[in-house]
Amino acid sequence: MNYVFQFNVIWEHLPALLHGVFLTLEMSVMSIGLGSALAMVCAYGQVASSRAIKRLIGGYIETIRNTPVLVQVFVFYFSLPILGLKVSPFAAAVAALTINLGAYACEILRAGIESVPRGQVEAGRALGLSRLQTFRFVIFFPALKTVFPALSSQFILLMLSSSVVSTISAVELTAVTNSLQSTTFRAFEFYFVAAALYLGMSLALKAVMHIVYWLSFERNAPSVG
């Protein structure tokens, strides 16, 4: 093998790579926030709405879970302009990732909701709580605690999946890496470092989610023994 590794080229373009990291995190945080809100609305709709709304939500979930995320990105970026709704690559990427996360996170939340004991729900109703109050104060918090690790994994998966939006020229870490390696011809070095940066972001997000879990569910939990 005659290939000579030249990682010094990375230092020359480090600001561009870090900018790609920032854009990836920005896109991921926006998609996680919007997707989580969508998932909560859909999860509530699945347990407290009419049969027609439940079927509508179920159809949305099945459609998203059984189509590739790349196709979903293409729909927002290439198909919507035909209907007169032109969007930027960044907006199309956030919209597609939001819709994608909403479907998967809704199913995770639904599993958590179904794990809440029926007697606990009936007790909330007996206290005179409305359906929304019962969902908010009796069902949602215990359900969220149960499925929080699964949600955290889904958030990390979304951040990693954001790399596919480089196909529509949305600027994030993968797009920046593609551009740099095409001009420097140092593909191994740039993709190796990009993989390391994605690993670092994943571990950082995992640590943040652990802190959020502790602050939300364990900090004020009564000690046993």
C-alpha atoms as a PDB file:
ATOM      1  CA  MET A   1       0.000   0.000   0.000  1.00  0.00           C
ATOM      2  CA  ASN A   2       1.547   3.251  -1.187  1.00  0.00           C
ATOM      3  CA  TYR A   3      -1.012   5.596   0.324  1.00  0.00           C
ATOM      4  CA  VAL A   4       0.586   8.243   2.568  1.00  0.00           C
ATOM      5  CA  PHE A   5      -1.672   9.486   5.361  1.00  0.00           C
ATOM      6  CA  GLN A   6      -1.664  13.263   5.710  1.00  0.00           C
ATOM      7  CA  PHE A   7      -3.785  14.228   8.676  1.00  0.00           C
ATOM      8  CA  ASN A   8      -2.207  17.671   8.747  1.00  0.00           C
ATOM      9  CA  VAL A   9      -4.752  18.631   6.082  1.00  0.00           C
ATOM     10  CA  ILE A  10      -7.434  18.199   8.729  1.00  0.00           C
ATOM     11  CA  TRP A  11      -5.993  21.024  10.822  1.00  0.00           C
ATOM     12  CA  GLU A  12      -6.040  23.321   7.825  1.00  0.00           C
ATOM     13  CA  HIS A  13      -9.780  22.751   7.370  1.00  0.00           C
ATOM     14  CA  LEU A  14     -10.759  22.213  10.996  1.00  0.00           C
ATOM     15  CA  PRO A  15     -12.919  25.399  11.197  1.00  0.00           C
ATOM     16  CA  ALA A  16     -15.026  24.143   8.280  1.00  0.00           C
ATOM     17  CA  LEU A  17     -15.464  20.741   9.925  1.00  0.00           C
ATOM     18  CA  LEU A  18     -16.457  22.315  13.236  1.00  0.00           C
ATOM     19  CA  HIS A  19     -18.955  24.497  11.390  1.00  0.00           C
ATOM     20  CA  GLY A  20     -20.393  21.300   9.921  1.00  0.00           C
ATOM     21  CA  VAL A  21     -20.671  19.869  13.426  1.00  0.00           C
ATOM     22  CA  PHE A  22     -22.522  22.996  14.577  1.00  0.00           C
ATOM     23  CA  LEU A  23     -24.965  22.801  11.645  1.00  0.00           C
ATOM     24  CA  THR A  24     -25.583  19.103  12.323  1.00  0.00           C
ATOM     25  CA  LEU A  25     -26.331  19.806  15.971  1.00  0.00           C
ATOM     26  CA  GLU A  26     -28.553  22.765  15.068  1.00  0.00           C
ATOM     27  CA  MET A  27     -30.541  20.656  12.622  1.00  0.00           C
ATOM     28  CA  SER A  28     -30.772  17.762  15.072  1.00  0.00           C
ATOM     29  CA  VAL A  29     -31.888  19.882  18.033  1.00  0.00           C
ATOM     30  CA  MET A  30     -34.602  21.564  15.966  1.00  0.00           C
ATOM     31  CA  SER A  31     -35.825  18.231  14.611  1.00  0.00           C
ATOM     32  CA  ILE A  32     -35.769  16.592  18.041  1.00  0.00           C
ATOM     33  CA  GLY A  33     -37.747  19.434  19.599  1.00  0.00           C
ATOM     34  CA  LEU A  34     -40.369  19.598  16.862  1.00  0.00           C
ATOM     35  CA  GLY A  35     -40.504  15.824  16.430  1.00  0.00           C
ATOM     36  CA  SER A  36     -40.976  15.250  20.160  1.00  0.00           C
ATOM     37  CA  ALA A  37     -43.841  17.748  20.253  1.00  0.00           C
ATOM     38  CA  LEU A  38     -45.459  16.029  17.269  1.00  0.00           C
ATOM     39  CA  ALA A  39     -45.011  12.638  18.924  1.00  0.00           C
ATOM     40  CA  MET A  40     -46.682  13.798  22.138  1.00  0.00           C
ATOM     41  CA  VAL A  41     -49.669  15.177  20.230  1.00  0.00           C
ATOM     42  CA  CYS A  42     -50.012  11.959  18.239  1.00  0.00           C
ATOM     43  CA  ALA A  43     -49.604   9.788  21.342  1.00  0.00           C
ATOM     44  CA  TYR A  44     -52.356  11.728  23.077  1.00  0.00           C
ATOM     45  CA  GLY A  45     -54.521  11.414  19.983  1.00  0.00           C
ATOM     46  CA  GLN A  46     -54.057   7.665  19.958  1.00  0.00           C
ATOM     47  CA  VAL A  47     -55.366   7.247  23.497  1.00  0.00           C
ATOM     48  CA  ALA A  48     -57.938  10.020  23.793  1.00  0.00           C
ATOM     49  CA  SER A  49     -59.395  10.751  20.347  1.00  0.00           C
ATOM     50  CA  SER A  50     -62.067   9.369  18.080  1.00  0.00           C
ATOM     51  CA  ARG A  51     -61.580   6.239  16.035  1.00  0.00           C
ATOM     52  CA  ALA A  52     -61.189   8.294  12.848  1.00  0.00           C
ATOM     53  CA  ILE A  53     -58.335  10.363  14.311  1.00  0.00           C
ATOM     54  CA  LYS A  54     -56.688   7.214  15.665  1.00  0.00           C
ATOM     55  CA  ARG A  55     -56.791   5.676  12.181  1.00  0.00           C
ATOM     56  CA  LEU A  56     -55.371   8.861  10.673  1.00  0.00           C
ATOM     57  CA  ILE A  57     -52.491   8.873  13.151  1.00  0.00           C
ATOM     58  CA  GLY A  58     -51.955   5.156  12.597  1.00  0.00           C
ATOM     59  CA  GLY A  59     -51.787   5.688   8.844  1.00  0.00           C
ATOM     60  CA  TYR A  60     -49.194   8.433   9.279  1.00  0.00           C
ATOM     61  CA  ILE A  61     -47.067   6.225  11.525  1.00  0.00           C
ATOM     62  CA  GLU A  62     -47.223   3.215   9.201  1.00  0.00           C
ATOM     63  CA  THR A  63     -46.388   5.354   6.172  1.00  0.00           C
ATOM     64  CA  ILE A  64     -43.332   6.929   7.777  1.00  0.00           C
ATOM     65  CA  ARG A  65     -42.036   3.734   9.389  1.00  0.00           C
ATOM     66  CA  ASN A  66     -42.273   1.792   6.134  1.00  0.00           C
ATOM     67  CA  THR A  67     -40.621   4.274   3.778  1.00  0.00           C
ATOM     68  CA  PRO A  68     -36.929   5.287   3.653  1.00  0.00           C
ATOM     69  CA  VAL A  69     -35.969   8.536   5.324  1.00  0.00           C
ATOM     70  CA  LEU A  70     -34.112   9.534   2.149  1.00  0.00           C
ATOM     71  CA  VAL A  71     -37.344   9.307   0.141  1.00  0.00           C
ATOM     72  CA  GLN A  72     -39.079  11.414   2.785  1.00  0.00           C
ATOM     73  CA  VAL A  73     -36.378  14.056   2.400  1.00  0.00           C
ATOM     74  CA  PHE A  74     -36.832  13.997  -1.383  1.00  0.00           C
ATOM     75  CA  VAL A  75     -40.587  14.448  -1.010  1.00  0.00           C
ATOM     76  CA  PHE A  76     -40.125  17.659   0.955  1.00  0.00           C
ATOM     77  CA  TYR A  77     -37.362  19.065  -1.222  1.00  0.00           C
ATOM     78  CA  PHE A  78     -38.269  17.939  -4.756  1.00  0.00           C
ATOM     79  CA  SER A  79     -42.005  17.189  -4.665  1.00  0.00           C
ATOM     80  CA  LEU A  80     -43.412  20.107  -2.675  1.00  0.00           C
ATOM     81  CA  PRO A  81     -42.109  22.761  -5.121  1.00  0.00           C
ATOM     82  CA  ILE A  82     -44.311  21.168  -7.797  1.00  0.00           C
ATOM     83  CA  LEU A  83     -47.260  22.147  -5.595  1.00  0.00           C
ATOM     84  CA  GLY A  84     -45.903  25.679  -5.269  1.00  0.00           C
ATOM     85  CA  LEU A  85     -44.295  25.142  -1.848  1.00  0.00           C
ATOM     86  CA  LYS A  86     -40.616  25.859  -2.387  1.00  0.00           C
ATOM     87  CA  VAL A  87     -38.446  25.245   0.660  1.00  0.00           C
ATOM     88  CA  SER A  88     -34.745  25.615   1.352  1.00  0.00           C
ATOM     89  CA  PRO A  89     -32.575  22.498   1.757  1.00  0.00           C
ATOM     90  CA  PHE A  90     -32.231  23.171   5.489  1.00  0.00           C
ATOM     91  CA  ALA A  91     -35.983  23.620   5.993  1.00  0.00           C
ATOM     92  CA  ALA A  92     -36.750  20.511   3.943  1.00  0.00           C
ATOM     93  CA  ALA A  93     -34.246  18.525   5.998  1.00  0.00           C
ATOM     94  CA  VAL A  94     -35.701  19.683   9.326  1.00  0.00           C
ATOM     95  CA  ALA A  95     -39.254  19.019   8.148  1.00  0.00           C
ATOM     96  CA  ALA A  96     -38.441  15.502   6.948  1.00  0.00           C
ATOM     97  CA  LEU A  97     -36.493  14.591  10.084  1.00  0.00           C
ATOM     98  CA  THR A  98     -39.267  16.029  12.259  1.00  0.00           C
ATOM     99  CA  ILE A  99     -41.947  13.975  10.542  1.00  0.00           C
ATOM    100  CA  ASN A 100     -39.751  10.888  10.707  1.00  0.00           C
ATOM    101  CA  LEU A 101     -38.973  11.251  14.399  1.00  0.00           C
ATOM    102  CA  GLY A 102     -42.592  12.052  15.221  1.00  0.00           C
ATOM    103  CA  ALA A 103     -43.747   8.675  13.930  1.00  0.00           C
ATOM    104  CA  TYR A 104     -41.093   6.588  15.675  1.00  0.00           C
ATOM    105  CA  ALA A 105     -41.244   8.532  18.941  1.00  0.00           C
ATOM    106  CA  CYS A 106     -45.044   8.311  18.957  1.00  0.00           C
ATOM    107  CA  GLU A 107     -44.866   4.521  18.874  1.00  0.00           C
ATOM    108  CA  ILE A 108     -42.309   4.550  21.680  1.00  0.00           C
ATOM    109  CA  LEU A 109     -44.531   6.814  23.782  1.00  0.00           C
ATOM    110  CA  ARG A 110     -47.559   4.667  23.028  1.00  0.00           C
ATOM    111  CA  ALA A 111     -45.738   1.628  24.380  1.00  0.00           C
ATOM    112  CA  GLY A 112     -44.950   3.579  27.541  1.00  0.00           C
ATOM    113  CA  ILE A 113     -48.548   4.727  27.904  1.00  0.00           C
ATOM    114  CA  GLU A 114     -49.806   1.177  27.605  1.00  0.00           C
ATOM    115  CA  SER A 115     -47.431   0.154  30.410  1.00  0.00           C
ATOM    116  CA  VAL A 116     -49.178   2.474  32.895  1.00  0.00           C
ATOM    117  CA  PRO A 117     -51.492   0.402  35.146  1.00  0.00           C
ATOM    118  CA  ARG A 118     -55.162   0.799  34.306  1.00  0.00           C
ATOM    119  CA  GLY A 119     -56.013   1.302  37.970  1.00  0.00           C
ATOM    120  CA  GLN A 120     -53.779   4.366  38.068  1.00  0.00           C
ATOM    121  CA  VAL A 121     -55.719   5.904  35.186  1.00  0.00           C
ATOM    122  CA  GLU A 122     -59.060   5.106  36.805  1.00  0.00           C
ATOM    123  CA  ALA A 123     -57.870   6.705  40.042  1.00  0.00           C
ATOM    124  CA  GLY A 124     -57.145   9.924  38.162  1.00  0.00           C
ATOM    125  CA  ARG A 125     -60.625   9.868  36.662  1.00  0.00           C
ATOM    126  CA  ALA A 126     -62.123   9.220  40.095  1.00  0.00           C
ATOM    127  CA  LEU A 127     -60.417  12.352  41.411  1.00  0.00           C
ATOM    128  CA  GLY A 128     -62.310  14.388  38.838  1.00  0.00           C
ATOM    129  CA  LEU A 129     -59.426  15.007  36.448  1.00  0.00           C
ATOM    130  CA  SER A 130     -60.311  15.679  32.834  1.00  0.00           C
ATOM    131  CA  ARG A 131     -59.027  13.404  30.078  1.00  0.00           C
ATOM    132  CA  LEU A 132     -56.227  15.854  29.265  1.00  0.00           C
ATOM    133  CA  GLN A 133     -55.323  16.299  32.950  1.00  0.00           C
ATOM    134  CA  THR A 134     -55.290  12.541  33.452  1.00  0.00           C
ATOM    135  CA  PHE A 135     -52.966  12.149  30.478  1.00  0.00           C
ATOM    136  CA  ARG A 136     -50.691  14.956  31.644  1.00  0.00           C
ATOM    137  CA  PHE A 137     -50.435  14.221  35.372  1.00  0.00           C
ATOM    138  CA  VAL A 138     -51.176  10.491  35.672  1.00  0.00           C
ATOM    139  CA  ILE A 139     -50.128   8.812  32.437  1.00  0.00           C
ATOM    140  CA  PHE A 140     -47.460  10.818  30.646  1.00  0.00           C
ATOM    141  CA  PHE A 141     -44.756  11.176  33.302  1.00  0.00           C
ATOM    142  CA  PRO A 142     -44.597   7.470  34.298  1.00  0.00           C
ATOM    143  CA  ALA A 143     -44.801   6.496  30.623  1.00  0.00           C
ATOM    144  CA  LEU A 144     -41.973   8.873  29.708  1.00  0.00           C
ATOM    145  CA  LYS A 145     -39.784   7.471  32.481  1.00  0.00           C
ATOM    146  CA  THR A 146     -40.326   3.951  31.176  1.00  0.00           C
ATOM    147  CA  VAL A 147     -39.446   4.715  27.565  1.00  0.00           C
ATOM    148  CA  PHE A 148     -36.849   7.460  28.084  1.00  0.00           C
ATOM    149  CA  PRO A 149     -33.868   5.212  27.207  1.00  0.00           C
ATOM    150  CA  ALA A 150     -35.581   4.160  23.966  1.00  0.00           C
ATOM    151  CA  LEU A 151     -36.374   7.795  23.139  1.00  0.00           C
ATOM    152  CA  SER A 152     -32.768   8.756  23.800  1.00  0.00           C
ATOM    153  CA  SER A 153     -31.582   6.114  21.356  1.00  0.00           C
ATOM    154  CA  GLN A 154     -34.058   7.393  18.779  1.00  0.00           C
ATOM    155  CA  PHE A 155     -32.731  10.936  19.195  1.00  0.00           C
ATOM    156  CA  ILE A 156     -29.184   9.726  18.581  1.00  0.00           C
ATOM    157  CA  LEU A 157     -30.336   7.751  15.547  1.00  0.00           C
ATOM    158  CA  LEU A 158     -31.991  10.872  14.151  1.00  0.00           C
ATOM    159  CA  MET A 159     -28.792  12.858  14.546  1.00  0.00           C
ATOM    160  CA  LEU A 160     -26.847  10.190  12.666  1.00  0.00           C
ATOM    161  CA  SER A 161     -29.580   9.943  10.016  1.00  0.00           C
ATOM    162  CA  SER A 162     -29.202  13.667   9.351  1.00  0.00           C
ATOM    163  CA  SER A 163     -26.208  12.757   7.191  1.00  0.00           C
ATOM    164  CA  VAL A 164     -28.576  11.731   4.364  1.00  0.00           C
ATOM    165  CA  VAL A 165     -29.724  15.336   3.867  1.00  0.00           C
ATOM    166  CA  SER A 166     -26.383  16.060   2.208  1.00  0.00           C
ATOM    167  CA  THR A 167     -28.017  14.567  -0.903  1.00  0.00           C
ATOM    168  CA  ILE A 168     -30.205  17.687  -1.237  1.00  0.00           C
ATOM    169  CA  SER A 169     -27.272  20.044  -0.617  1.00  0.00           C
ATOM    170  CA  ALA A 170     -28.288  20.758   2.963  1.00  0.00           C
ATOM    171  CA  VAL A 171     -25.081  21.863   4.621  1.00  0.00           C
ATOM    172  CA  GLU A 172     -24.095  19.764   7.633  1.00  0.00           C
ATOM    173  CA  LEU A 173     -21.078  17.668   8.621  1.00  0.00           C
ATOM    174  CA  THR A 174     -21.361  15.064   5.852  1.00  0.00           C
ATOM    175  CA  ALA A 175     -21.897  17.712   3.176  1.00  0.00           C
ATOM    176  CA  VAL A 176     -18.900  19.690   4.421  1.00  0.00           C
ATOM    177  CA  THR A 177     -16.791  16.519   4.502  1.00  0.00           C
ATOM    178  CA  ASN A 178     -17.804  15.606   0.947  1.00  0.00           C
ATOM    179  CA  SER A 179     -16.837  19.059  -0.251  1.00  0.00           C
ATOM    180  CA  LEU A 180     -13.466  19.039   1.497  1.00  0.00           C
ATOM    181  CA  GLN A 181     -12.428  15.586   0.342  1.00  0.00           C
ATOM    182  CA  SER A 182     -13.381  16.409  -3.256  1.00  0.00           C
ATOM    183  CA  THR A 183     -11.062  19.430  -3.283  1.00  0.00           C
ATOM    184  CA  THR A 184      -8.164  17.938  -1.301  1.00  0.00           C
ATOM    185  CA  PHE A 185      -8.425  14.312  -2.515  1.00  0.00           C
ATOM    186  CA  ARG A 186      -7.831  13.097   1.052  1.00  0.00           C
ATOM    187  CA  ALA A 187     -10.952  10.967   1.369  1.00  0.00           C
ATOM    188  CA  PHE A 188      -9.661   8.612   4.056  1.00  0.00           C
ATOM    189  CA  GLU A 189      -8.517  11.368   6.389  1.00  0.00           C
ATOM    190  CA  PHE A 190     -11.685  13.451   6.140  1.00  0.00           C
ATOM    191  CA  TYR A 191     -14.155  10.569   6.390  1.00  0.00           C
ATOM    192  CA  PHE A 192     -12.197   9.043   9.265  1.00  0.00           C
ATOM    193  CA  VAL A 193     -12.343  12.331  11.172  1.00  0.00           C
ATOM    194  CA  ALA A 194     -16.009  12.816  10.247  1.00  0.00           C
ATOM    195  CA  ALA A 195     -16.788   9.383  11.699  1.00  0.00           C
ATOM    196  CA  ALA A 196     -14.921  10.344  14.874  1.00  0.00           C
ATOM    197  CA  LEU A 197     -16.885  13.595  15.108  1.00  0.00           C
ATOM    198  CA  TYR A 198     -20.195  11.750  14.720  1.00  0.00           C
ATOM    199  CA  LEU A 199     -19.090   9.345  17.447  1.00  0.00           C
ATOM    200  CA  GLY A 200     -18.220  12.267  19.691  1.00  0.00           C
ATOM    201  CA  MET A 201     -21.582  13.937  19.080  1.00  0.00           C
ATOM    202  CA  SER A 202     -23.402  10.679  19.788  1.00  0.00           C
ATOM    203  CA  LEU A 203     -21.573  10.159  23.071  1.00  0.00           C
ATOM    204  CA  ALA A 204     -22.159  13.799  24.042  1.00  0.00           C
ATOM    205  CA  LEU A 205     -25.888  13.540  23.303  1.00  0.00           C
ATOM    206  CA  LYS A 206     -26.042  10.287  25.228  1.00  0.00           C
ATOM    207  CA  ALA A 207     -24.422  11.992  28.231  1.00  0.00           C
ATOM    208  CA  VAL A 208     -26.877  14.912  27.983  1.00  0.00           C
ATOM    209  CA  MET A 209     -29.823  12.516  27.939  1.00  0.00           C
ATOM    210  CA  HIS A 210     -28.442  10.737  31.019  1.00  0.00           C
ATOM    211  CA  ILE A 211     -28.292  14.084  32.825  1.00  0.00           C
ATOM    212  CA  VAL A 212     -31.834  14.952  31.726  1.00  0.00           C
ATOM    213  CA  TYR A 213     -33.048  11.567  32.974  1.00  0.00           C
ATOM    214  CA  TRP A 214     -31.386  12.076  36.348  1.00  0.00           C
ATOM    215  CA  LEU A 215     -32.744  15.596  36.745  1.00  0.00           C
ATOM    216  CA  SER A 216     -36.246  14.560  35.697  1.00  0.00           C
ATOM    217  CA  PHE A 217     -36.714  11.197  37.371  1.00  0.00           C
ATOM    218  CA  GLU A 218     -34.013  10.389  39.922  1.00  0.00           C
ATOM    219  CA  ARG A 219     -32.876  13.599  41.614  1.00  0.00           C
ATOM    220  CA  ASN A 220     -35.938  13.937  43.795  1.00  0.00           C
ATOM    221  CA  ALA A 221     -36.826  10.263  43.933  1.00  0.00           C
ATOM    222  CA  PRO A 222     -37.168   8.917  47.495  1.00  0.00           C
ATOM    223  CA  SER A 223     -34.256   6.796  48.606  1.00  0.00           C
ATOM    224  CA  VAL A 224     -34.863   3.154  49.392  1.00  0.00           C
ATOM    225  CA  GLY A 225     -33.542   1.663  52.608  1.00  0.00           C
END
